[in-house]
């Protein structure tokens, strides 16, 4: 017997077949001192959650339809770059 989530994912997958996906989501930073917004990451697929790491050296962005979590580095030698934290096949 399937779970509700498995049923939802199955419906979503059937509807998504044959459709072109457009990665237009962004991770943005707001600078309250200047009131300006900076785009940190562009081309995300429907980003629907953001969480900072315990040491605040990166943020993780969930991209549900792509079944992946993208990591954006805030500090350290990789600052300003992205990589895949999780990719579910």
N, C-alpha and C. Protein backbone atom coordinates (compact mmCIF):
# COMPACT_ATOMS: atom_id res chain seq x y z
N UNK A 1 0.84 -1.18 0.00
CA UNK A 1 0.00 0.00 0.00
C UNK A 1 0.89 1.25 0.00
N UNK A 2 0.55 2.20 -0.84
CA UNK A 2 1.38 3.39 -0.95
C UNK A 2 0.97 4.44 0.09
N UNK A 3 1.92 5.29 0.41
CA UNK A 3 1.64 6.38 1.34
C UNK A 3 1.04 7.55 0.55
N UNK A 4 0.48 8.50 1.27
CA UNK A 4 -0.09 9.68 0.63
C UNK A 4 0.98 10.44 -0.16
N UNK A 5 2.20 10.53 0.39
CA UNK A 5 3.28 11.24 -0.30
C UNK A 5 3.64 10.53 -1.60
N UNK A 6 3.71 9.21 -1.58
CA UNK A 6 4.02 8.45 -2.79
C UNK A 6 2.94 8.67 -3.85
N UNK A 7 1.68 8.73 -3.41
CA UNK A 7 0.59 8.98 -4.35
C UNK A 7 0.72 10.37 -4.95
N UNK A 8 1.02 11.37 -4.11
CA UNK A 8 1.19 12.74 -4.58
C UNK A 8 2.33 12.83 -5.58
N UNK A 9 3.47 12.22 -5.26
CA UNK A 9 4.62 12.26 -6.15
C UNK A 9 4.32 11.57 -7.47
N UNK A 10 3.58 10.50 -7.42
CA UNK A 10 3.19 9.80 -8.64
C UNK A 10 2.32 10.67 -9.52
N UNK A 11 1.35 11.37 -8.92
CA UNK A 11 0.49 12.28 -9.68
C UNK A 11 1.32 13.40 -10.27
N UNK A 12 2.21 13.97 -9.45
CA UNK A 12 3.05 15.07 -9.93
C UNK A 12 3.93 14.60 -11.09
N UNK A 13 4.51 13.41 -10.99
CA UNK A 13 5.40 12.90 -12.03
C UNK A 13 4.62 12.69 -13.33
N UNK A 14 3.41 12.15 -13.24
CA UNK A 14 2.61 11.94 -14.46
C UNK A 14 2.28 13.28 -15.12
N UNK A 15 1.95 14.29 -14.33
CA UNK A 15 1.61 15.60 -14.88
C UNK A 15 2.84 16.30 -15.46
N UNK A 16 4.00 16.03 -14.89
CA UNK A 16 5.23 16.71 -15.32
C UNK A 16 5.80 16.12 -16.60
N UNK A 17 5.47 14.88 -16.92
CA UNK A 17 6.01 14.25 -18.12
C UNK A 17 5.65 15.05 -19.36
N UNK A 18 6.64 15.26 -20.18
CA UNK A 18 6.39 15.97 -21.42
C UNK A 18 6.34 17.48 -21.29
N UNK A 19 6.41 17.99 -20.07
CA UNK A 19 6.42 19.43 -19.88
C UNK A 19 7.84 19.92 -19.69
N UNK A 20 8.09 21.10 -20.18
CA UNK A 20 9.40 21.71 -20.03
C UNK A 20 9.48 22.37 -18.66
N UNK A 21 10.54 22.10 -17.92
CA UNK A 21 10.71 22.76 -16.64
C UNK A 21 11.52 24.02 -16.83
N UNK A 22 11.13 25.06 -16.12
CA UNK A 22 11.81 26.34 -16.21
C UNK A 22 12.36 26.68 -14.84
N UNK A 23 13.68 26.76 -14.76
CA UNK A 23 14.34 27.06 -13.49
C UNK A 23 14.49 28.57 -13.35
N UNK A 24 13.52 29.19 -12.71
CA UNK A 24 13.55 30.64 -12.57
C UNK A 24 13.61 31.10 -11.12
N UNK A 25 13.69 30.16 -10.18
CA UNK A 25 13.73 30.53 -8.78
C UNK A 25 15.07 31.13 -8.39
N UNK A 26 15.05 31.92 -7.31
CA UNK A 26 16.26 32.58 -6.85
C UNK A 26 16.40 32.50 -5.33
N UNK A 27 17.64 32.53 -4.89
CA UNK A 27 17.97 32.74 -3.48
C UNK A 27 18.47 34.17 -3.40
N UNK A 28 17.81 34.96 -2.55
CA UNK A 28 18.16 36.38 -2.46
C UNK A 28 18.55 36.75 -1.04
N UNK A 29 19.39 37.79 -0.95
CA UNK A 29 19.78 38.33 0.35
C UNK A 29 19.30 39.78 0.42
N UNK A 30 18.67 40.13 1.52
CA UNK A 30 18.21 41.50 1.74
C UNK A 30 19.19 42.18 2.68
N UNK A 31 19.65 43.35 2.27
CA UNK A 31 20.58 44.14 3.08
C UNK A 31 19.79 45.29 3.71
N UNK A 32 19.42 45.15 4.99
CA UNK A 32 18.54 46.15 5.62
C UNK A 32 19.15 47.55 5.69
N UNK A 33 20.47 47.66 5.78
CA UNK A 33 21.10 48.98 5.86
C UNK A 33 20.87 49.79 4.59
N UNK A 34 20.96 49.13 3.45
CA UNK A 34 20.79 49.84 2.18
C UNK A 34 19.39 49.65 1.59
N UNK A 35 18.67 48.63 2.08
CA UNK A 35 17.36 48.32 1.53
C UNK A 35 17.43 47.59 0.20
N UNK A 36 18.61 47.17 -0.19
CA UNK A 36 18.79 46.51 -1.49
C UNK A 36 18.70 44.99 -1.34
N UNK A 37 18.31 44.37 -2.45
CA UNK A 37 18.22 42.91 -2.52
C UNK A 37 19.26 42.42 -3.51
N UNK A 38 19.99 41.39 -3.11
CA UNK A 38 21.05 40.82 -3.95
C UNK A 38 20.67 39.39 -4.32
N UNK A 39 20.79 39.04 -5.58
CA UNK A 39 20.54 37.66 -6.02
C UNK A 39 21.81 36.86 -5.79
N UNK A 40 21.71 35.84 -4.94
CA UNK A 40 22.86 34.98 -4.62
C UNK A 40 22.93 33.78 -5.56
N UNK A 41 21.77 33.18 -5.84
CA UNK A 41 21.70 32.01 -6.71
C UNK A 41 20.50 32.19 -7.63
N UNK A 42 20.70 31.96 -8.91
CA UNK A 42 19.65 32.05 -9.90
C UNK A 42 19.47 30.69 -10.55
N UNK A 43 18.31 30.42 -11.10
CA UNK A 43 18.09 29.18 -11.83
C UNK A 43 17.65 28.00 -10.98
N UNK A 44 17.07 28.27 -9.81
CA UNK A 44 16.57 27.19 -8.95
C UNK A 44 15.19 26.76 -9.43
N UNK A 45 14.86 25.50 -9.22
CA UNK A 45 13.57 24.95 -9.62
C UNK A 45 12.62 24.96 -8.43
N UNK A 46 11.75 25.93 -8.40
CA UNK A 46 10.74 26.11 -7.35
C UNK A 46 11.34 25.92 -5.96
N UNK A 47 12.21 26.82 -5.53
CA UNK A 47 12.76 26.72 -4.18
C UNK A 47 11.66 26.94 -3.15
N UNK A 48 11.53 26.01 -2.21
CA UNK A 48 10.43 26.11 -1.26
C UNK A 48 10.86 25.96 0.20
N UNK A 49 12.14 26.13 0.47
CA UNK A 49 12.62 26.08 1.85
C UNK A 49 14.09 26.43 1.93
N UNK A 50 14.44 27.19 2.95
CA UNK A 50 15.83 27.60 3.16
C UNK A 50 16.18 27.39 4.63
N UNK A 51 17.37 26.86 4.89
CA UNK A 51 17.84 26.62 6.26
C UNK A 51 19.33 26.87 6.31
N UNK A 52 19.77 27.62 7.33
CA UNK A 52 21.20 27.84 7.50
C UNK A 52 21.81 26.71 8.31
N UNK A 53 23.10 26.49 8.11
CA UNK A 53 23.80 25.45 8.86
C UNK A 53 24.00 25.91 10.31
N UNK A 54 24.35 24.98 11.15
CA UNK A 54 24.56 25.29 12.58
C UNK A 54 25.64 26.35 12.78
N UNK A 55 26.67 26.33 11.93
CA UNK A 55 27.78 27.29 12.04
C UNK A 55 27.58 28.50 11.13
N UNK A 56 26.44 28.53 10.42
CA UNK A 56 26.09 29.62 9.51
C UNK A 56 27.16 29.87 8.44
N UNK A 57 27.79 28.78 7.97
CA UNK A 57 28.75 28.92 6.89
C UNK A 57 28.13 28.63 5.53
N UNK A 58 26.91 28.05 5.50
CA UNK A 58 26.18 27.85 4.27
C UNK A 58 24.68 27.85 4.54
N UNK A 59 23.91 28.01 3.47
CA UNK A 59 22.46 27.82 3.55
C UNK A 59 22.09 26.72 2.58
N UNK A 60 21.08 25.95 2.95
CA UNK A 60 20.58 24.87 2.11
C UNK A 60 19.22 25.29 1.57
N UNK A 61 19.03 25.10 0.27
CA UNK A 61 17.78 25.47 -0.40
C UNK A 61 17.14 24.22 -0.98
N UNK A 62 15.92 23.93 -0.54
CA UNK A 62 15.20 22.77 -1.05
C UNK A 62 14.55 23.11 -2.39
N UNK A 63 14.72 22.22 -3.37
CA UNK A 63 14.05 22.33 -4.67
C UNK A 63 13.21 21.07 -4.84
N UNK A 64 11.98 21.11 -4.32
CA UNK A 64 11.15 19.92 -4.24
C UNK A 64 10.94 19.21 -5.57
N UNK A 65 10.52 19.89 -6.64
CA UNK A 65 10.27 19.15 -7.88
C UNK A 65 11.52 18.48 -8.45
N UNK A 66 12.70 19.02 -8.13
CA UNK A 66 13.95 18.45 -8.64
C UNK A 66 14.51 17.38 -7.71
N UNK A 67 13.88 17.19 -6.55
CA UNK A 67 14.33 16.22 -5.55
C UNK A 67 15.79 16.45 -5.18
N UNK A 68 16.13 17.70 -4.88
CA UNK A 68 17.50 18.02 -4.50
C UNK A 68 17.53 19.18 -3.52
N UNK A 69 18.66 19.28 -2.83
CA UNK A 69 18.93 20.40 -1.94
C UNK A 69 20.25 21.02 -2.41
N UNK A 70 20.19 22.30 -2.72
CA UNK A 70 21.36 23.04 -3.19
C UNK A 70 21.97 23.79 -2.01
N UNK A 71 23.28 23.72 -1.91
CA UNK A 71 23.99 24.42 -0.82
C UNK A 71 24.68 25.65 -1.40
N UNK A 72 24.46 26.80 -0.74
CA UNK A 72 25.15 28.03 -1.11
C UNK A 72 26.08 28.40 0.03
N UNK A 73 27.37 28.49 -0.27
CA UNK A 73 28.38 28.76 0.75
C UNK A 73 28.46 30.26 1.06
N UNK A 74 28.34 30.60 2.34
CA UNK A 74 28.41 31.99 2.80
C UNK A 74 29.81 32.39 3.22
N UNK A 75 30.56 31.45 3.77
CA UNK A 75 31.92 31.72 4.29
C UNK A 75 32.89 30.63 3.88
N UNK A 76 34.16 30.94 4.07
CA UNK A 76 35.20 29.95 3.81
C UNK A 76 35.69 30.01 2.38
N UNK A 77 36.54 29.03 2.02
CA UNK A 77 37.15 29.04 0.68
C UNK A 77 36.14 28.86 -0.45
N UNK A 78 34.97 28.30 -0.17
CA UNK A 78 33.95 28.09 -1.20
C UNK A 78 32.89 29.20 -1.22
N UNK A 79 33.08 30.27 -0.44
CA UNK A 79 32.09 31.34 -0.33
C UNK A 79 31.67 31.86 -1.70
N UNK A 80 30.36 32.01 -1.87
CA UNK A 80 29.82 32.51 -3.13
C UNK A 80 29.58 31.44 -4.18
N UNK A 81 29.81 30.17 -3.83
CA UNK A 81 29.60 29.08 -4.79
C UNK A 81 28.48 28.16 -4.31
N UNK A 82 28.02 27.31 -5.23
CA UNK A 82 26.98 26.34 -4.90
C UNK A 82 27.46 24.93 -5.20
N UNK A 83 26.84 23.97 -4.53
CA UNK A 83 27.00 22.56 -4.86
C UNK A 83 25.76 21.83 -4.41
N UNK A 84 25.66 20.56 -4.76
CA UNK A 84 24.51 19.76 -4.37
C UNK A 84 24.78 19.13 -3.02
N UNK A 85 23.93 19.43 -2.07
CA UNK A 85 24.02 18.82 -0.75
C UNK A 85 23.36 17.45 -0.78
N UNK A 86 22.19 17.38 -1.43
CA UNK A 86 21.44 16.13 -1.54
C UNK A 86 20.83 16.06 -2.92
N UNK A 87 20.88 14.90 -3.55
CA UNK A 87 20.17 14.64 -4.81
C UNK A 87 19.56 13.26 -4.69
N UNK A 88 18.23 13.24 -4.73
CA UNK A 88 17.54 11.96 -4.64
C UNK A 88 17.26 11.47 -6.05
N UNK A 89 17.79 10.30 -6.40
CA UNK A 89 17.60 9.82 -7.79
C UNK A 89 16.16 9.55 -8.13
